[in-house]
Each structure stands twice: as structure tokens, then as C-alpha cells.
Amino acid sequence: MTENSNSIKEKFSNKATHYQEILQKLEKKHALVSAFRIIIFLTALVLTVWLTNARLVSGVFISLSIFLVVFILLVKYHNKLTLKRDNARALMLINQQELQRLEYNFTGIDTGLGFLEKSHPYIKDLDVFGEHSIYQFIQRSETPNGRATLAHWLKRAASGDEIILRQQAVKELMSELTWRQNFQAAGMTSQKDDSKIETLLSWINEPNEVLHKTWPKILSYLLPVLALTSLSGVIWLGTSVYFFIGMMVVNGVVLKRFAEYTAKLTEKTSAGIEVLGAYGRMISHIEDNNFKAPMLLQLRNTFIHENVKASASILKLNKVLDYLQSRANWFYSIFNLIFLTDIHLVLSAEKWKNEQQADVNKWFESIGQLEALSSLAAVAYANPDYNFPIISGDGYHIKTEALGHPLISPAIRVTNDLEMNGRGTINIITGSNMSGKSTFLRTLGVNVVMALAGAPVCAKEMETSVFQIFTSMRTEDNLEDNTSSFYAELKRIRSLLDLLKESECPVLFMLDEILKGTNSIDRHKGASGLVRQLVDENALGFVSTHDLDLGQLENELKGVKNYSFNSIIENDEIIFNYKLEEGLCKSFNASKLMEKIGIKIQ
């Protein structure tokens, strides 16, 4: 590791320890306030019973009012403590996960397996998703939109202009460590259950049921005025309590009739309240940042319209829905019976929906894009030896210096240089077993995927055109489809030929151990025919093989060039250097490997 990398690792470690200490203090304070809330509640209950038995009606209302104010203040303070505690825990976990990634340990980090596509051109072969994948290496998103956006960027190459815009945004966010971690922590404080936000969104997109009705609006103001008037008469004028009781009965009947709407709203929004609060805090972080990169500015402007902030709007809805969750509370029940709180809250929620319905989906999509950009920036920050690639205007160009695989530790990572230019360029790679052919192809493929997503790459330098990537590396038998590995590879090659006809941009293909499932004569015929076909296509790429005779095509076809990986045998041990060399493979180790496992070679 370089000194710079060590300082980054130390920073993450110090932050993790710092937030762990804060978390411990907040947990103690949180428990103390919880206990005090219970004491206040029990005291209010005992005093109310005593005053009621003593027939001190005014005393009951006065004491209840005082205790209610104290209890509400305690609840608010308790909620703030809960938020601070959860935020500290999130920041601790974020820095612990950064330390994990520096050690290439992805345990507990989202694999993105749900984004796999069976017939995708490259994601399976290049380990884009799954255990120990590029997605795990990059992913820092906490919302469904953020995870889906990053997955989409890794599966579909952006245009050259879009890549440059993303790079500008990532470079700006790279140095914003505190902002990025606070932004991620805001999202982490919600439970990771995508169905919760989906249920909430379905309610937001549904038509209103109450807002257009007249009777709830009239009764929600008229009946509370009558109830308060009768209550004031009982307390201050000594009038009969029966009129007040009668008003409570009327209000109860109205609430009963309205209960259907209240229940529907509560059912559809209760699960999403915590998530909604997290979204509001994430948006607040976006609104408060004075971005400079064009893409970041455009995304930030999504949340501010005519000086009205989206975070304030979401907070408003969140408060309404949060109050509805207090319906089981006996303080709420008393207020509800007097003020018809249920009706006011449902009307407020539907009014909000009427005003903001068109904007919500745009807000959530913008959050997702910022999360994806922040994830790419986190990779750039944590890996100071990575660099941003130059996106070439030439349609058939790749040049790399010290290109390495991002999922291999720097301690054992071997890098290679490469340059390819021109339509129909094909590099045939030969090599002994375990010499590094497949790893090299994956190294190049993964870095091109990252480059075309807007991320930095694991290389000293890189220039690349915008490509449609295609790989054929991991073909295997499929018993369900009654398909052999050889036929699976043929189907894969058919997909490549179809893609070459359909793709609007040049195709970068990587074919590993081509036609390995058949005899050497048929393999050579098929591989030779395919290479001759590919040199005339809108593509460039690699074909790895053990068939040395295929290398003779370098002498016949313009654009075909031989490269190889070699090994040496010293003191009866096979030594690999994993370096790409020009020319055909000069060393072979299969016999030695077979001897090592006990096969007697004649």
C-alpha cells in the first residue's frame, strides 16, 4: 500500500472509532429518556385518577394539559435522540464497511444478484453482480432507486458526453467525504425494505378519496368549535357537562363514519414513514450543498422550485403521517374526540398529494442518481492510485498503462499495458494453463465497464472508445435446457453475431478458450472461420486459445496480432509472471501439472 492509501485507511478507522464512542453515549441517554417518559405517563395516570375521585374536574383538565405538554416535549426530545443515535450507528457502519472494502472483504454488503440478466452480453462473465463482485466493490446506495441506477450504469454503457458529465460530478464528490457519508447515513437510518417505499409510492400515485368531499371540511371545523365552547362553559362558567358529553358523542359518530378513510391511509403509509423521513433528510443534504459540476447542479435543481424546498415538503407529509401513527395513544384519542384530528390529518395528507404528486417520482430518481455518483466517488477516494479514463472520439481505440483488476489486492495484483486501434483488430492470446489469460480478459472487461459507467479505473492511464461489451467465458452444461457446454458456447457466439448486426456502437468482444468443448480439428476450423468473419465486423476484441495454429492468422489477416502469457519451470515448480507478451506462447505446463497430481506421464 502507498502512504496515501495508509492515511485513508487510518482516517476510516478513526472515524469508525469516533462514531462508536458517540453511539455508546447516545444509547445511554436514550435509555434514560425512555425511562423518564414511562415515569411521567404513570404519574399523570395516578394523578388523573385521584383528581377524578375527588371530583375536581378543572384540576383534571389542568393537570392533563400540563402533563401533555411535558410528555410531548419529552417525545420530541426522545425522537431527536433516536435520530442522532441511528445516525451515529450508520456512520460507524459506513466507515467499518470502507475498511472492509480496503481488505477486499465484502461480507454483509449487497450483492446485487437481483439485477442479473440471464442473456446479458457480459455481466455474468465479468462478475459485475454477486459475491465478490464489482457491484459490491462500488455500491454505497441505500435506496432502491440508487441501487437500480448503479446497476443500470454497470449494465449499459453511457454516451461519451454522459460519461464526461458523470466524471465531472464524481471528481467533485470525491473530496466531499463528510458530505458523502452524511448523505449515505441519512439513507441508512431507514429500514432496508423496498416494499415499504413501494407501498407509499402506490398511495401517492392513487387518486384522492376525501379532498373533493365537502362534509369532512365543514364538520372538521364546526364540531370542534362547538365542543370547545361547551367545554369552556363547564370549566369557567359551571354549566352542565351534558352538552359537552353530547358533543363528544356526535364527534365520535362522525369519526366512526370517517374511520374507513383513516384506516386506509394508515395502512398504506405506516410502513413507509421511517423511509420517508430518511428521504427527506437525504434531500436536505442535497439542497444544502453548493454543487458546481453541471450534472450535480441539474440534480439539485430538481428539489428546489420557486424557492420551495422538497425536503420541507416531505417533512410536512412525514409529520402528518407520523401523527396518524399516534392514534393508539390515549392523549391523541382525547384530542381526536374534541378536534376531529383524524379528518384534519387525512385532508392534509391528500392536499399534499394533490400538490406534489407529479414531483415525487422525479425526486426519488434524482436521489438514486446522486447515490450512484456518490458510490463512484467513494471508489475514487478510497483508491487514490485509480485514475479517470479519457473517453476517445475514435470508435475503435483502447490504450492502457498498468491496468490491474480492481478486485485483486495491490499486494498481489499484476498489471499490464495494452493498445488496440482500428476496426477489426483482433488479439489472439495463447498461454499455458493458469498463466493469466482469463484474468487478463476480465481485468480489461471490468475496467471498461467501470470507465463507461463514469467511474475511475484501476490503471495508471486509460483511453477508451465507447463500446458495447460482449464476453463468452463461462459456458456450462444446462440439464434443464438439455444443453451441453459446447452448444451453450455456440449459442453465445450466435448472440455475438446477432449483436454485431444490431449494435449502434462498436463491439468489444472477449472470447475465452474458444470452442474448448470439441476436438482439436473442429475447434481449429471453427475458431479460424470465426476470426476471419470478425475482422470484417464493426468490432475489435480478443480470442484466447490453446490452439497455437490459430496464431498463424497473424500472417494472413490484417489486424490480427498474437499475444501470450508464459510460465517457467524452476526446481520442479511452475512459476507464472502473469505478464502479457507479444507473440505466441513459448512455454507449456499441462504435463507438469498432470504429474503433480499423480498422473504418470510417459
Foldseek 3Di string as FASTA:
>chain_A
DDPLLVVVLVVLVVQLVVLVVVLVVLVVVLVVLVVVLVVLVVVLVVVLVVCVVVVVVLVNVVSVVVSVVVNVVSVVVSVVSLLSNLLSVLSSVVSVVLNCLLVLHLPPFAQLPVLDDPQQQPCVLLQCGDPSRVCSNQALAQAPLQSVLLSVLLRDFDAQVVLVLLLLLLVVLLPVVVLLSSLSSLSSSADRDNVQVVLLLVVLQDAADPQVDDVLVVCLPVLLVQLVVLVCCCNPVVDDCVSNVVSLVVLVVVCVVVVVLLVVVLVSNVSCLSNLLSLLSSLVSLLPDPDDRPVSVVLNVLQADPNDGVSVLSVQLSVLNVLSVCCVPVVSVVCCSNNVSSSVSSNSNNVSSVVCSVSPVSSVNSSSVVSSSSSLSNSCNSCVQFAAAAADPAQKWKWFAQQWASSDNPVPIGGATDIADDQLAEEEEEEAPPQAQSVVQSSVVSQLSQNSSNHTGNGNYMYYYGASEGEDDDFADDVVVRRHSLVSSVVSVVVVVVCLVVDPGAYEYYYEQQSVPDDPVVRLVVVLVVSVVRSPTSYYYYYYHNPQVSQCCPVVDPNYFYKYFYWDADPLDIGHPSYIGGDYYDHYCPVSVCVVVPDDDD
